[in-house]
Amino acid sequence: MSRSIFIVDTNVVVAGLLTADPASPVARVLDGMLAAAFPFTVSEALLGEYRTVLLRPALRKLHALSVAEVEQLLVELIQHAIVLQPGGSSTARSSAPDAGDQFLWDLLAARPDLVLITGDKRLLQDPGMHGRVIAPRTLVDGS
């Protein structure tokens, strides 16, 4: 996986921010993103989802970050990210197991070296994406 570029699903970023265990895989992935420890990519859609989810009132109560602090976190992430926009024909792309995650599947289709890191079991179990969708622990244990 050393040549892979990773897409980090929103659920991993949120879990990394919320966990009290700095050694947990999700915390290590988020810390790795902030430290540019591995190559990762975002699209405008993924970045927008990070922002929308992190600013939900229920989550803001849990992570206790202000809007400005969330914005600063996103700026720090973007500084280390490769920003990609999915291109090509949408008919050539496979369908995500959940329509709400189609933007992740479209991003995966942008390049063959992209690998999605997620905690979403439906995405992890998609047979068409074997090896291209991994759990946070897989990245942490492989590095």
N, C-alpha and C. Protein backbone atom coordinates (compact mmCIF):
# COMPACT_ATOMS: atom_id res chain seq x y z
N MET A 1 0.81 -1.20 0.00
CA MET A 1 0.00 0.00 0.00
C MET A 1 0.85 1.26 0.00
N SER A 2 2.14 1.13 -0.01
CA SER A 2 3.00 2.30 0.09
C SER A 2 2.84 3.24 -1.10
N ARG A 3 2.36 2.74 -2.24
CA ARG A 3 2.18 3.60 -3.41
C ARG A 3 0.76 4.13 -3.51
N SER A 4 -0.06 3.80 -2.56
CA SER A 4 -1.45 4.25 -2.59
C SER A 4 -1.58 5.68 -2.12
N ILE A 5 -2.63 6.31 -2.61
CA ILE A 5 -3.05 7.62 -2.10
C ILE A 5 -4.41 7.37 -1.47
N PHE A 6 -4.60 7.87 -0.28
CA PHE A 6 -5.77 7.52 0.50
C PHE A 6 -6.84 8.60 0.48
N ILE A 7 -8.07 8.13 0.48
CA ILE A 7 -9.25 8.96 0.67
C ILE A 7 -9.73 8.62 2.07
N VAL A 8 -9.86 9.59 2.93
CA VAL A 8 -10.28 9.32 4.30
C VAL A 8 -11.74 9.73 4.45
N ASP A 9 -12.58 8.74 4.70
CA ASP A 9 -14.02 8.97 4.83
C ASP A 9 -14.29 9.87 6.04
N THR A 10 -15.37 10.59 5.96
CA THR A 10 -15.77 11.52 7.02
C THR A 10 -15.89 10.81 8.37
N ASN A 11 -16.41 9.58 8.38
CA ASN A 11 -16.59 8.89 9.65
C ASN A 11 -15.26 8.66 10.36
N VAL A 12 -14.17 8.51 9.62
CA VAL A 12 -12.86 8.32 10.23
C VAL A 12 -12.34 9.64 10.81
N VAL A 13 -12.52 10.74 10.07
CA VAL A 13 -12.11 12.05 10.57
C VAL A 13 -12.86 12.39 11.85
N VAL A 14 -14.18 12.19 11.85
CA VAL A 14 -15.00 12.49 13.02
C VAL A 14 -14.59 11.61 14.20
N ALA A 15 -14.46 10.31 13.96
CA ALA A 15 -14.08 9.40 15.04
C ALA A 15 -12.69 9.73 15.58
N GLY A 16 -11.79 10.12 14.69
CA GLY A 16 -10.45 10.51 15.13
C GLY A 16 -10.45 11.73 16.01
N LEU A 17 -11.36 12.64 15.72
CA LEU A 17 -11.49 13.86 16.52
C LEU A 17 -12.16 13.58 17.87
N LEU A 18 -13.07 12.63 17.90
CA LEU A 18 -13.85 12.36 19.11
C LEU A 18 -13.20 11.37 20.07
N THR A 19 -12.34 10.51 19.59
CA THR A 19 -11.81 9.46 20.46
C THR A 19 -10.94 10.04 21.56
N ALA A 20 -11.01 9.40 22.71
CA ALA A 20 -10.16 9.80 23.83
C ALA A 20 -8.84 9.02 23.82
N ASP A 21 -8.72 8.06 22.90
CA ASP A 21 -7.54 7.20 22.84
C ASP A 21 -6.64 7.63 21.68
N PRO A 22 -5.54 8.34 21.97
CA PRO A 22 -4.66 8.81 20.89
C PRO A 22 -3.98 7.68 20.12
N ALA A 23 -4.00 6.46 20.65
CA ALA A 23 -3.39 5.32 19.95
C ALA A 23 -4.40 4.57 19.08
N SER A 24 -5.66 4.97 19.11
CA SER A 24 -6.67 4.27 18.31
C SER A 24 -6.38 4.48 16.82
N PRO A 25 -6.77 3.53 15.99
CA PRO A 25 -6.52 3.68 14.55
C PRO A 25 -7.09 4.96 13.96
N VAL A 26 -8.30 5.35 14.37
CA VAL A 26 -8.89 6.56 13.79
C VAL A 26 -8.13 7.81 14.20
N ALA A 27 -7.66 7.87 15.44
CA ALA A 27 -6.85 9.01 15.89
C ALA A 27 -5.52 9.03 15.14
N ARG A 28 -4.94 7.88 14.92
CA ARG A 28 -3.65 7.82 14.21
C ARG A 28 -3.81 8.22 12.75
N VAL A 29 -4.95 7.87 12.14
CA VAL A 29 -5.18 8.29 10.75
C VAL A 29 -5.33 9.81 10.70
N LEU A 30 -6.16 10.38 11.57
CA LEU A 30 -6.34 11.84 11.57
C LEU A 30 -5.02 12.55 11.87
N ASP A 31 -4.28 12.06 12.86
CA ASP A 31 -2.98 12.66 13.17
C ASP A 31 -2.04 12.54 11.97
N GLY A 32 -2.10 11.42 11.27
CA GLY A 32 -1.27 11.22 10.08
C GLY A 32 -1.62 12.19 8.97
N MET A 33 -2.91 12.48 8.83
CA MET A 33 -3.32 13.47 7.83
C MET A 33 -2.75 14.84 8.20
N LEU A 34 -2.87 15.22 9.45
CA LEU A 34 -2.42 16.53 9.89
C LEU A 34 -0.90 16.67 9.82
N ALA A 35 -0.19 15.54 9.94
CA ALA A 35 1.27 15.56 9.90
C ALA A 35 1.81 15.22 8.51
N ALA A 36 0.92 15.02 7.55
CA ALA A 36 1.33 14.64 6.19
C ALA A 36 2.17 13.36 6.22
N ALA A 37 1.77 12.40 7.06
CA ALA A 37 2.50 11.15 7.21
C ALA A 37 2.25 10.18 6.07
N PHE A 38 1.20 10.40 5.31
CA PHE A 38 0.89 9.56 4.15
C PHE A 38 0.14 10.42 3.15
N PRO A 39 0.21 10.07 1.87
CA PRO A 39 -0.50 10.87 0.88
C PRO A 39 -2.00 10.61 0.94
N PHE A 40 -2.78 11.69 0.92
CA PHE A 40 -4.24 11.54 0.90
C PHE A 40 -4.83 12.60 0.00
N THR A 41 -6.03 12.32 -0.43
CA THR A 41 -6.70 13.22 -1.35
C THR A 41 -8.09 13.58 -0.83
N VAL A 42 -8.56 14.73 -1.27
CA VAL A 42 -9.93 15.16 -1.01
C VAL A 42 -10.49 15.72 -2.31
N SER A 43 -11.79 15.75 -2.39
CA SER A 43 -12.48 16.46 -3.47
C SER A 43 -13.28 17.57 -2.80
N GLU A 44 -13.82 18.46 -3.60
CA GLU A 44 -14.67 19.51 -3.02
C GLU A 44 -15.85 18.89 -2.28
N ALA A 45 -16.42 17.82 -2.84
CA ALA A 45 -17.58 17.17 -2.20
C ALA A 45 -17.18 16.57 -0.86
N LEU A 46 -16.04 15.90 -0.78
CA LEU A 46 -15.60 15.30 0.47
C LEU A 46 -15.27 16.37 1.50
N LEU A 47 -14.59 17.40 1.10
CA LEU A 47 -14.27 18.50 2.01
C LEU A 47 -15.56 19.15 2.53
N GLY A 48 -16.53 19.31 1.64
CA GLY A 48 -17.82 19.86 2.05
C GLY A 48 -18.52 18.98 3.07
N GLU A 49 -18.40 17.67 2.87
CA GLU A 49 -19.02 16.76 3.84
C GLU A 49 -18.29 16.83 5.18
N TYR A 50 -16.95 16.87 5.16
CA TYR A 50 -16.22 17.04 6.42
C TYR A 50 -16.77 18.24 7.18
N ARG A 51 -16.90 19.36 6.49
CA ARG A 51 -17.34 20.61 7.13
C ARG A 51 -18.77 20.49 7.66
N THR A 52 -19.67 20.02 6.81
CA THR A 52 -21.08 19.89 7.19
C THR A 52 -21.25 19.01 8.42
N VAL A 53 -20.59 17.87 8.41
CA VAL A 53 -20.74 16.92 9.52
C VAL A 53 -20.09 17.47 10.79
N LEU A 54 -18.90 18.02 10.68
CA LEU A 54 -18.22 18.55 11.87
C LEU A 54 -18.95 19.73 12.49
N LEU A 55 -19.76 20.43 11.69
CA LEU A 55 -20.51 21.58 12.23
C LEU A 55 -21.92 21.23 12.69
N ARG A 56 -22.30 19.96 12.62
CA ARG A 56 -23.62 19.58 13.14
C ARG A 56 -23.65 19.87 14.64
N PRO A 57 -24.75 20.47 15.11
CA PRO A 57 -24.81 20.85 16.53
C PRO A 57 -24.51 19.71 17.50
N ALA A 58 -25.03 18.53 17.25
CA ALA A 58 -24.78 17.41 18.16
C ALA A 58 -23.29 17.04 18.20
N LEU A 59 -22.64 17.09 17.06
CA LEU A 59 -21.21 16.78 17.02
C LEU A 59 -20.38 17.91 17.62
N ARG A 60 -20.81 19.13 17.40
CA ARG A 60 -20.07 20.27 18.00
C ARG A 60 -20.07 20.17 19.52
N LYS A 61 -21.17 19.68 20.10
CA LYS A 61 -21.21 19.50 21.56
C LYS A 61 -20.19 18.46 21.99
N LEU A 62 -20.00 17.43 21.16
CA LEU A 62 -19.06 16.37 21.50
C LEU A 62 -17.60 16.78 21.32
N HIS A 63 -17.27 17.44 20.21
CA HIS A 63 -15.87 17.79 19.98
C HIS A 63 -15.50 19.16 20.56
N ALA A 64 -16.50 19.97 20.88
CA ALA A 64 -16.31 21.26 21.56
C ALA A 64 -15.45 22.25 20.77
N LEU A 65 -15.40 22.11 19.45
CA LEU A 65 -14.67 23.08 18.63
C LEU A 65 -15.61 24.16 18.13
N SER A 66 -15.11 25.37 18.08
CA SER A 66 -15.89 26.47 17.51
C SER A 66 -15.92 26.32 15.99
N VAL A 67 -16.75 27.10 15.34
CA VAL A 67 -16.78 27.10 13.87
C VAL A 67 -15.40 27.48 13.34
N ALA A 68 -14.78 28.48 13.94
CA ALA A 68 -13.45 28.91 13.49
C ALA A 68 -12.42 27.79 13.68
N GLU A 69 -12.52 27.03 14.75
CA GLU A 69 -11.58 25.93 14.98
C GLU A 69 -11.80 24.80 13.98
N VAL A 70 -13.05 24.52 13.63
CA VAL A 70 -13.34 23.52 12.60
C VAL A 70 -12.76 23.99 11.27
N GLU A 71 -12.98 25.25 10.94
CA GLU A 71 -12.43 25.80 9.69
C GLU A 71 -10.91 25.70 9.67
N GLN A 72 -10.26 25.98 10.80
CA GLN A 72 -8.80 25.88 10.88
C GLN A 72 -8.34 24.44 10.69
N LEU A 73 -9.05 23.49 11.28
CA LEU A 73 -8.73 22.08 11.09
C LEU A 73 -8.81 21.71 9.61
N LEU A 74 -9.84 22.16 8.93
CA LEU A 74 -10.00 21.87 7.51
C LEU A 74 -8.88 22.51 6.68
N VAL A 75 -8.49 23.72 7.03
CA VAL A 75 -7.38 24.38 6.33
C VAL A 75 -6.10 23.56 6.52
N GLU A 76 -5.86 23.09 7.74
CA GLU A 76 -4.67 22.28 8.00
C GLU A 76 -4.69 20.98 7.20
N LEU A 77 -5.87 20.38 7.08
CA LEU A 77 -5.97 19.15 6.29
C LEU A 77 -5.69 19.43 4.81
N ILE A 78 -6.28 20.49 4.29
CA ILE A 78 -6.11 20.82 2.86
C ILE A 78 -4.66 21.12 2.53
N GLN A 79 -3.94 21.69 3.46
CA GLN A 79 -2.53 22.02 3.21
C GLN A 79 -1.71 20.79 2.84
N HIS A 80 -2.14 19.63 3.31
CA HIS A 80 -1.39 18.39 3.07
C HIS A 80 -2.06 17.49 2.05
N ALA A 81 -3.24 17.85 1.59
CA ALA A 81 -4.03 16.98 0.71
C ALA A 81 -3.72 17.22 -0.76
N ILE A 82 -3.97 16.20 -1.54
CA ILE A 82 -4.00 16.31 -2.99
C ILE A 82 -5.47 16.53 -3.32
N VAL A 83 -5.79 17.64 -3.95
CA VAL A 83 -7.18 17.93 -4.26
C VAL A 83 -7.47 17.42 -5.67
N LEU A 84 -8.43 16.51 -5.76
CA LEU A 84 -8.84 15.92 -7.04
C LEU A 84 -10.31 16.18 -7.27
N GLN A 85 -10.66 16.26 -8.53
CA GLN A 85 -12.08 16.32 -8.90
C GLN A 85 -12.35 15.13 -9.80
N PRO A 86 -13.35 14.33 -9.44
CA PRO A 86 -13.69 13.20 -10.29
C PRO A 86 -14.06 13.69 -11.68
N GLY A 87 -13.64 12.96 -12.68
CA GLY A 87 -13.95 13.32 -14.05
C GLY A 87 -14.45 12.12 -14.81
N GLY A 88 -14.69 12.31 -16.06
CA GLY A 88 -15.13 11.20 -16.90
C GLY A 88 -16.61 10.97 -16.81
N SER A 89 -17.03 9.96 -17.49
CA SER A 89 -18.46 9.64 -17.59
C SER A 89 -18.95 8.92 -16.34
N SER A 90 -20.03 9.40 -15.79
CA SER A 90 -20.58 8.75 -14.59
C SER A 90 -21.13 7.37 -14.92
N THR A 91 -21.43 7.10 -16.17
CA THR A 91 -21.94 5.78 -16.52
C THR A 91 -20.84 4.72 -16.46
N ALA A 92 -19.58 5.14 -16.53
CA ALA A 92 -18.47 4.19 -16.46
C ALA A 92 -18.14 3.83 -15.01
N ARG A 93 -18.67 4.53 -14.06
CA ARG A 93 -18.37 4.30 -12.66
C ARG A 93 -19.33 3.29 -12.06
N SER A 94 -18.87 2.58 -11.04
CA SER A 94 -19.75 1.67 -10.34
C SER A 94 -20.58 2.45 -9.33
N SER A 95 -21.66 1.84 -8.89
CA SER A 95 -22.54 2.48 -7.92
C SER A 95 -22.09 2.12 -6.52
N ALA A 96 -22.09 3.11 -5.65
CA ALA A 96 -21.75 2.89 -4.25
C ALA A 96 -22.87 2.09 -3.58
N PRO A 97 -22.53 1.31 -2.55
CA PRO A 97 -23.56 0.57 -1.81
C PRO A 97 -24.62 1.48 -1.20
N ASP A 98 -24.25 2.71 -0.91
CA ASP A 98 -25.16 3.71 -0.36
C ASP A 98 -25.08 4.93 -1.27
N ALA A 99 -26.21 5.36 -1.80
CA ALA A 99 -26.22 6.49 -2.74
C ALA A 99 -25.59 7.74 -2.14
N GLY A 100 -25.66 7.90 -0.83
CA GLY A 100 -25.06 9.05 -0.17
C GLY A 100 -23.54 9.04 -0.21
N ASP A 101 -22.97 7.91 -0.55
CA ASP A 101 -21.51 7.79 -0.65
C ASP A 101 -21.02 7.76 -2.09
N GLN A 102 -21.89 8.05 -3.05
CA GLN A 102 -21.49 7.98 -4.45
C GLN A 102 -20.30 8.88 -4.75
N PHE A 103 -20.22 10.03 -4.09
CA PHE A 103 -19.08 10.93 -4.34
C PHE A 103 -17.76 10.27 -3.96
N LEU A 104 -17.77 9.36 -2.99
CA LEU A 104 -16.55 8.63 -2.64
C LEU A 104 -16.19 7.63 -3.74
N TRP A 105 -17.19 6.94 -4.28
CA TRP A 105 -16.97 5.98 -5.37
C TRP A 105 -16.49 6.72 -6.62
N ASP A 106 -17.06 7.89 -6.87
CA ASP A 106 -16.62 8.68 -8.02
C ASP A 106 -15.16 9.12 -7.85
N LEU A 107 -14.79 9.48 -6.64
CA LEU A 107 -13.42 9.87 -6.37
C LEU A 107 -12.49 8.66 -6.53
N LEU A 108 -12.90 7.51 -6.03
CA LEU A 108 -12.11 6.28 -6.21
C LEU A 108 -11.88 5.98 -7.69
N ALA A 109 -12.88 6.27 -8.51
CA ALA A 109 -12.79 5.99 -9.95
C ALA A 109 -11.85 6.95 -10.67
N ALA A 110 -11.47 8.05 -10.00
CA ALA A 110 -10.62 9.05 -10.65
C ALA A 110 -9.21 8.54 -10.94
N ARG A 111 -8.72 7.64 -10.08
CA ARG A 111 -7.35 7.13 -10.25
C ARG A 111 -7.27 5.72 -9.69
N PRO A 112 -6.50 4.85 -10.32
CA PRO A 112 -6.42 3.47 -9.84
C PRO A 112 -5.59 3.30 -8.56
N ASP A 113 -4.81 4.31 -8.17
CA ASP A 113 -3.98 4.19 -6.97
C ASP A 113 -4.66 4.72 -5.71
N LEU A 114 -5.92 5.08 -5.81
CA LEU A 114 -6.65 5.59 -4.65
C LEU A 114 -7.25 4.45 -3.84
N VAL A 115 -7.20 4.60 -2.52
CA VAL A 115 -7.74 3.61 -1.59
C VAL A 115 -8.55 4.38 -0.55
N LEU A 116 -9.77 3.94 -0.31
CA LEU A 116 -10.65 4.58 0.67
C LEU A 116 -10.45 3.97 2.05
N ILE A 117 -10.27 4.82 3.06
CA ILE A 117 -10.20 4.40 4.46
C ILE A 117 -11.54 4.76 5.08
N THR A 118 -12.26 3.76 5.58
CA THR A 118 -13.58 4.00 6.14
C THR A 118 -13.89 3.03 7.26
N GLY A 119 -14.81 3.42 8.09
CA GLY A 119 -15.35 2.53 9.11
C GLY A 119 -16.72 2.01 8.72
N ASP A 120 -17.22 2.42 7.57
CA ASP A 120 -18.55 2.05 7.09
C ASP A 120 -18.53 0.60 6.60
N LYS A 121 -19.20 -0.28 7.33
CA LYS A 121 -19.18 -1.71 7.00
C LYS A 121 -19.76 -2.00 5.61
N ARG A 122 -20.77 -1.24 5.19
CA ARG A 122 -21.34 -1.46 3.86
C ARG A 122 -20.31 -1.18 2.77
N LEU A 123 -19.52 -0.16 2.96
CA LEU A 123 -18.49 0.16 1.98
C LEU A 123 -17.34 -0.85 2.04
N LEU A 124 -16.98 -1.25 3.26
CA LEU A 124 -15.89 -2.22 3.44
C LEU A 124 -16.24 -3.58 2.83
N GLN A 125 -17.51 -3.91 2.80
CA GLN A 125 -17.93 -5.23 2.32
C GLN A 125 -18.31 -5.26 0.85
N ASP A 126 -18.16 -4.15 0.14
CA ASP A 126 -18.51 -4.13 -1.27
C ASP A 126 -17.53 -5.03 -2.04
N PRO A 127 -18.03 -6.09 -2.66
CA PRO A 127 -17.13 -7.04 -3.33
C PRO A 127 -16.40 -6.45 -4.54
N GLY A 128 -16.97 -5.45 -5.16
CA GLY A 128 -16.34 -4.85 -6.33
C GLY A 128 -15.17 -3.96 -6.00
N MET A 129 -14.98 -3.64 -4.73
CA MET A 129 -13.91 -2.73 -4.33
C MET A 129 -12.89 -3.40 -3.43
N HIS A 130 -12.83 -4.72 -3.47
CA HIS A 130 -11.88 -5.45 -2.63
C HIS A 130 -10.47 -4.90 -2.83
N GLY A 131 -9.83 -4.55 -1.72
CA GLY A 131 -8.48 -3.99 -1.77
C GLY A 131 -8.43 -2.49 -1.98
N ARG A 132 -9.54 -1.90 -2.40
CA ARG A 132 -9.57 -0.45 -2.61
C ARG A 132 -10.30 0.27 -1.49
N VAL A 133 -10.89 -0.49 -0.59
CA VAL A 133 -11.59 0.06 0.56
C VAL A 133 -11.06 -0.69 1.79
N ILE A 134 -10.48 0.05 2.73
CA ILE A 134 -9.88 -0.57 3.90
C ILE A 134 -10.34 0.12 5.19
N ALA A 135 -10.19 -0.58 6.29
CA ALA A 135 -10.49 -0.03 7.60
C ALA A 135 -9.28 0.77 8.10
N PRO A 136 -9.49 1.72 9.01
CA PRO A 136 -8.36 2.49 9.56
C PRO A 136 -7.25 1.60 10.12
N ARG A 137 -7.63 0.52 10.78
CA ARG A 137 -6.62 -0.38 11.37
C ARG A 137 -5.70 -0.96 10.29
N THR A 138 -6.23 -1.22 9.11
CA THR A 138 -5.42 -1.79 8.03
C THR A 138 -4.30 -0.83 7.65
N LEU A 139 -4.60 0.45 7.55
CA LEU A 139 -3.57 1.45 7.24
C LEU A 139 -2.55 1.52 8.37
N VAL A 140 -3.04 1.61 9.60
CA VAL A 140 -2.15 1.76 10.76
C VAL A 140 -1.26 0.53 10.91
N ASP A 141 -1.82 -0.66 10.77
CA ASP A 141 -1.03 -1.89 10.91
C ASP A 141 -0.05 -2.09 9.76
N GLY A 142 -0.37 -1.50 8.60
CA GLY A 142 0.50 -1.67 7.43
C GLY A 142 1.62 -0.67 7.34
N SER A 143 1.59 0.35 8.21
CA SER A 143 2.63 1.39 8.12
C SER A 143 3.68 1.24 9.17
